[in-house]
Each structure stands twice: as structure tokens, then as C-alpha cells.
Amino acid sequence: MARVTVEKAVKKIGNRFDLVILAAKRARQIQIRGKIPLLSEKNDKTTILALREIEKGLINKKIINNYEKNNLEEKLKSIDLNNY
């Protein structure tokens, strides 16, 4: 089982509540959306990978928000509004 201390990650993000949200979003990107982890996996679960990426400063709120914005824009472009 991987042990992760989140003190450094909390300092990077600001508070532990935002850290939980950010780590969950990043873990979903890796697990469901097929995004490639920025660190080697070492058999870690996606949540641990996400926390490690945040701790190292590889992922932050701005990066996640930009990804979500771009993803939403792509989905909106693919919707055919003529069918509604």
C-alpha cells in the first residue's frame, strides 16, 4: 500500500478540500479519460498518482480547469443542435 503525505500537496493547492477535488478530477482523467500519468506508475492507484503529480507541481488548478474547458468545448462542437 502506498503511503502519501499530503502536506506538500496541500501547501501547493491552498487547502485540503480543494486538494481532494483536484486529485479526484485528475484521477478520473487518468483512469476514465485515458490521460497519460506525468510520473511513473509504480503500480500506484490513480488517486495516488494524482496526489504525487500535485505534490511535484506537475498538476494544478489552472491545468485541470483548462483541460475541463477544452473538453467541454469539444463536446459542444460535436453536438448537432439541429436535432433539438
N, C-alpha and C. Protein backbone atom coordinates (compact mmCIF):
# COMPACT_ATOMS: atom_id res chain seq x y z
N MET A 1 0.84 -1.17 0.00
CA MET A 1 0.00 0.00 0.00
C MET A 1 0.89 1.24 0.00
N ALA A 2 0.57 2.17 -0.83
CA ALA A 2 1.36 3.40 -0.93
C ALA A 2 0.99 4.36 0.19
N ARG A 3 2.02 4.91 0.78
CA ARG A 3 1.79 5.93 1.81
C ARG A 3 2.13 7.27 1.21
N VAL A 4 1.20 8.17 1.32
CA VAL A 4 1.40 9.50 0.77
C VAL A 4 1.11 10.51 1.86
N THR A 5 2.05 11.39 2.10
CA THR A 5 1.76 12.50 2.99
C THR A 5 1.36 13.66 2.10
N VAL A 6 0.31 14.33 2.47
CA VAL A 6 -0.25 15.34 1.58
C VAL A 6 0.08 16.77 2.01
N GLU A 7 0.93 16.93 2.99
CA GLU A 7 1.23 18.28 3.47
C GLU A 7 1.78 19.18 2.35
N LYS A 8 2.71 18.64 1.56
CA LYS A 8 3.27 19.44 0.46
C LYS A 8 2.22 19.75 -0.59
N ALA A 9 1.37 18.78 -0.87
CA ALA A 9 0.31 18.99 -1.86
C ALA A 9 -0.69 20.03 -1.36
N VAL A 10 -1.01 19.99 -0.08
CA VAL A 10 -1.93 20.99 0.49
C VAL A 10 -1.33 22.38 0.37
N LYS A 11 -0.04 22.50 0.64
CA LYS A 11 0.61 23.81 0.52
C LYS A 11 0.57 24.32 -0.91
N LYS A 12 0.70 23.42 -1.88
CA LYS A 12 0.66 23.82 -3.29
C LYS A 12 -0.73 24.32 -3.69
N ILE A 13 -1.78 23.67 -3.17
CA ILE A 13 -3.15 23.97 -3.59
C ILE A 13 -3.80 25.03 -2.72
N GLY A 14 -3.53 25.00 -1.45
CA GLY A 14 -4.10 26.01 -0.57
C GLY A 14 -4.85 25.42 0.61
N ASN A 15 -5.70 24.43 0.34
CA ASN A 15 -6.40 23.77 1.44
C ASN A 15 -6.74 22.33 1.05
N ARG A 16 -7.02 21.52 2.03
CA ARG A 16 -7.19 20.09 1.76
C ARG A 16 -8.48 19.77 1.01
N PHE A 17 -9.48 20.65 1.13
CA PHE A 17 -10.73 20.41 0.43
C PHE A 17 -10.56 20.58 -1.08
N ASP A 18 -9.87 21.65 -1.48
CA ASP A 18 -9.57 21.84 -2.89
C ASP A 18 -8.64 20.75 -3.40
N LEU A 19 -7.74 20.29 -2.55
CA LEU A 19 -6.83 19.21 -2.93
C LEU A 19 -7.61 17.94 -3.26
N VAL A 20 -8.59 17.61 -2.44
CA VAL A 20 -9.39 16.41 -2.68
C VAL A 20 -10.11 16.51 -4.03
N ILE A 21 -10.70 17.66 -4.30
CA ILE A 21 -11.43 17.84 -5.56
C ILE A 21 -10.47 17.75 -6.74
N LEU A 22 -9.35 18.42 -6.64
CA LEU A 22 -8.37 18.43 -7.72
C LEU A 22 -7.80 17.03 -7.97
N ALA A 23 -7.46 16.33 -6.90
CA ALA A 23 -6.91 14.97 -7.04
C ALA A 23 -7.95 14.03 -7.65
N ALA A 24 -9.20 14.18 -7.26
CA ALA A 24 -10.26 13.33 -7.82
C ALA A 24 -10.44 13.59 -9.31
N LYS A 25 -10.42 14.85 -9.69
CA LYS A 25 -10.55 15.19 -11.12
C LYS A 25 -9.39 14.61 -11.92
N ARG A 26 -8.19 14.75 -11.39
CA ARG A 26 -7.00 14.24 -12.10
C ARG A 26 -7.03 12.72 -12.17
N ALA A 27 -7.43 12.07 -11.09
CA ALA A 27 -7.51 10.61 -11.08
C ALA A 27 -8.51 10.12 -12.13
N ARG A 28 -9.64 10.83 -12.26
CA ARG A 28 -10.63 10.47 -13.29
C ARG A 28 -10.06 10.65 -14.69
N GLN A 29 -9.28 11.71 -14.88
CA GLN A 29 -8.65 11.92 -16.19
C GLN A 29 -7.77 10.73 -16.57
N ILE A 30 -7.01 10.27 -15.61
CA ILE A 30 -6.09 9.15 -15.86
C ILE A 30 -6.86 7.85 -16.06
N GLN A 31 -7.80 7.58 -15.17
CA GLN A 31 -8.48 6.29 -15.16
C GLN A 31 -9.54 6.17 -16.24
N ILE A 32 -10.37 7.17 -16.41
CA ILE A 32 -11.51 7.06 -17.31
C ILE A 32 -11.23 7.66 -18.68
N ARG A 33 -10.58 8.79 -18.70
CA ARG A 33 -10.40 9.50 -19.96
C ARG A 33 -9.09 9.15 -20.67
N GLY A 34 -8.29 8.29 -20.06
CA GLY A 34 -7.09 7.79 -20.72
C GLY A 34 -5.93 8.77 -20.79
N LYS A 35 -5.92 9.79 -19.95
CA LYS A 35 -4.78 10.71 -19.93
C LYS A 35 -3.57 9.97 -19.38
N ILE A 36 -2.42 10.28 -19.92
CA ILE A 36 -1.18 9.61 -19.51
C ILE A 36 -0.65 10.25 -18.23
N PRO A 37 -0.32 9.44 -17.22
CA PRO A 37 0.26 9.99 -15.99
C PRO A 37 1.59 10.69 -16.28
N LEU A 38 1.87 11.75 -15.54
CA LEU A 38 3.09 12.52 -15.73
C LEU A 38 4.26 11.95 -14.94
N LEU A 39 3.99 10.98 -14.09
CA LEU A 39 5.02 10.29 -13.30
C LEU A 39 4.93 8.80 -13.59
N SER A 40 6.01 8.08 -13.30
CA SER A 40 5.95 6.63 -13.49
C SER A 40 4.97 6.03 -12.49
N GLU A 41 4.29 4.99 -12.91
CA GLU A 41 3.16 4.47 -12.14
C GLU A 41 3.55 3.66 -10.91
N LYS A 42 4.54 2.83 -10.97
CA LYS A 42 4.97 2.00 -9.83
C LYS A 42 3.80 1.24 -9.20
N ASN A 43 2.84 0.81 -10.00
CA ASN A 43 1.66 0.09 -9.52
C ASN A 43 0.81 0.90 -8.56
N ASP A 44 0.91 2.22 -8.61
CA ASP A 44 0.08 3.07 -7.77
C ASP A 44 -1.31 3.22 -8.37
N LYS A 45 -2.28 3.40 -7.51
CA LYS A 45 -3.63 3.69 -7.99
C LYS A 45 -3.66 5.12 -8.51
N THR A 46 -4.69 5.42 -9.28
CA THR A 46 -4.76 6.74 -9.92
C THR A 46 -4.84 7.88 -8.91
N THR A 47 -5.47 7.64 -7.78
CA THR A 47 -5.55 8.71 -6.78
C THR A 47 -4.17 9.04 -6.22
N ILE A 48 -3.36 8.02 -6.01
CA ILE A 48 -2.00 8.24 -5.51
C ILE A 48 -1.17 8.95 -6.56
N LEU A 49 -1.31 8.53 -7.82
CA LEU A 49 -0.60 9.21 -8.91
C LEU A 49 -0.98 10.69 -8.95
N ALA A 50 -2.27 10.96 -8.84
CA ALA A 50 -2.74 12.34 -8.89
C ALA A 50 -2.14 13.16 -7.75
N LEU A 51 -2.14 12.62 -6.55
CA LEU A 51 -1.57 13.33 -5.41
C LEU A 51 -0.07 13.58 -5.60
N ARG A 52 0.62 12.60 -6.13
CA ARG A 52 2.07 12.77 -6.36
C ARG A 52 2.33 13.84 -7.42
N GLU A 53 1.52 13.86 -8.47
CA GLU A 53 1.67 14.88 -9.52
C GLU A 53 1.42 16.27 -8.96
N ILE A 54 0.42 16.40 -8.11
CA ILE A 54 0.12 17.69 -7.49
C ILE A 54 1.27 18.11 -6.57
N GLU A 55 1.74 17.17 -5.77
CA GLU A 55 2.83 17.45 -4.84
C GLU A 55 4.09 17.94 -5.57
N LYS A 56 4.37 17.35 -6.73
CA LYS A 56 5.55 17.74 -7.51
C LYS A 56 5.33 19.02 -8.31
N GLY A 57 4.09 19.54 -8.30
CA GLY A 57 3.81 20.77 -9.04
C GLY A 57 3.53 20.55 -10.52
N LEU A 58 3.32 19.30 -10.91
CA LEU A 58 3.05 18.98 -12.32
C LEU A 58 1.60 19.26 -12.71
N ILE A 59 0.72 19.22 -11.72
CA ILE A 59 -0.71 19.47 -11.94
C ILE A 59 -1.16 20.52 -10.94
N ASN A 60 -1.97 21.46 -11.42
CA ASN A 60 -2.54 22.48 -10.53
C ASN A 60 -3.95 22.82 -11.00
N LYS A 61 -4.61 23.74 -10.30
CA LYS A 61 -5.99 24.09 -10.62
C LYS A 61 -6.12 24.61 -12.05
N LYS A 62 -5.18 25.44 -12.45
CA LYS A 62 -5.25 26.05 -13.78
C LYS A 62 -5.19 24.98 -14.88
N ILE A 63 -4.31 24.03 -14.73
CA ILE A 63 -4.17 22.96 -15.73
C ILE A 63 -5.45 22.14 -15.82
N ILE A 64 -6.00 21.76 -14.68
CA ILE A 64 -7.23 20.96 -14.66
C ILE A 64 -8.39 21.76 -15.25
N ASN A 65 -8.52 23.03 -14.86
CA ASN A 65 -9.61 23.86 -15.37
C ASN A 65 -9.50 24.06 -16.88
N ASN A 66 -8.29 24.25 -17.40
CA ASN A 66 -8.10 24.39 -18.85
C ASN A 66 -8.50 23.10 -19.57
N TYR A 67 -8.12 21.97 -19.01
CA TYR A 67 -8.48 20.69 -19.62
C TYR A 67 -10.00 20.53 -19.66
N GLU A 68 -10.67 20.85 -18.54
CA GLU A 68 -12.12 20.71 -18.49
C GLU A 68 -12.80 21.66 -19.47
N LYS A 69 -12.28 22.88 -19.57
CA LYS A 69 -12.84 23.86 -20.51
C LYS A 69 -12.70 23.36 -21.94
N ASN A 70 -11.51 22.89 -22.31
CA ASN A 70 -11.29 22.38 -23.66
C ASN A 70 -12.15 21.16 -23.95
N ASN A 71 -12.28 20.29 -22.97
CA ASN A 71 -13.09 19.09 -23.12
C ASN A 71 -14.55 19.46 -23.34
N LEU A 72 -15.05 20.45 -22.60
CA LEU A 72 -16.43 20.90 -22.74
C LEU A 72 -16.64 21.54 -24.11
N GLU A 73 -15.69 22.35 -24.55
CA GLU A 73 -15.80 22.98 -25.86
C GLU A 73 -15.86 21.94 -26.97
N GLU A 74 -15.06 20.88 -26.86
CA GLU A 74 -15.08 19.81 -27.86
C GLU A 74 -16.42 19.11 -27.88
N LYS A 75 -16.99 18.86 -26.70
CA LYS A 75 -18.29 18.21 -26.63
C LYS A 75 -19.37 19.10 -27.25
N LEU A 76 -19.31 20.40 -26.96
CA LEU A 76 -20.31 21.31 -27.51
C LEU A 76 -20.21 21.39 -29.03
N LYS A 77 -19.00 21.35 -29.56
CA LYS A 77 -18.82 21.38 -31.02
C LYS A 77 -19.39 20.13 -31.68
N SER A 78 -19.34 19.02 -30.97
CA SER A 78 -19.79 17.76 -31.56
C SER A 78 -21.30 17.58 -31.50
N ILE A 79 -21.99 18.43 -30.74
CA ILE A 79 -23.44 18.31 -30.63
C ILE A 79 -24.09 18.94 -31.85
N ASP A 80 -24.98 18.20 -32.47
CA ASP A 80 -25.72 18.72 -33.61
C ASP A 80 -27.00 19.35 -33.07
N LEU A 81 -27.03 20.67 -33.02
CA LEU A 81 -28.18 21.38 -32.45
C LEU A 81 -29.40 21.32 -33.35
N ASN A 82 -29.24 20.91 -34.59
CA ASN A 82 -30.39 20.82 -35.50
C ASN A 82 -31.34 19.69 -35.10
N ASN A 83 -30.86 18.76 -34.31
CA ASN A 83 -31.70 17.64 -33.87
C ASN A 83 -32.56 18.00 -32.67
N TYR A 84 -32.42 19.19 -32.14
CA TYR A 84 -33.18 19.57 -30.94
C TYR A 84 -34.28 20.53 -31.25
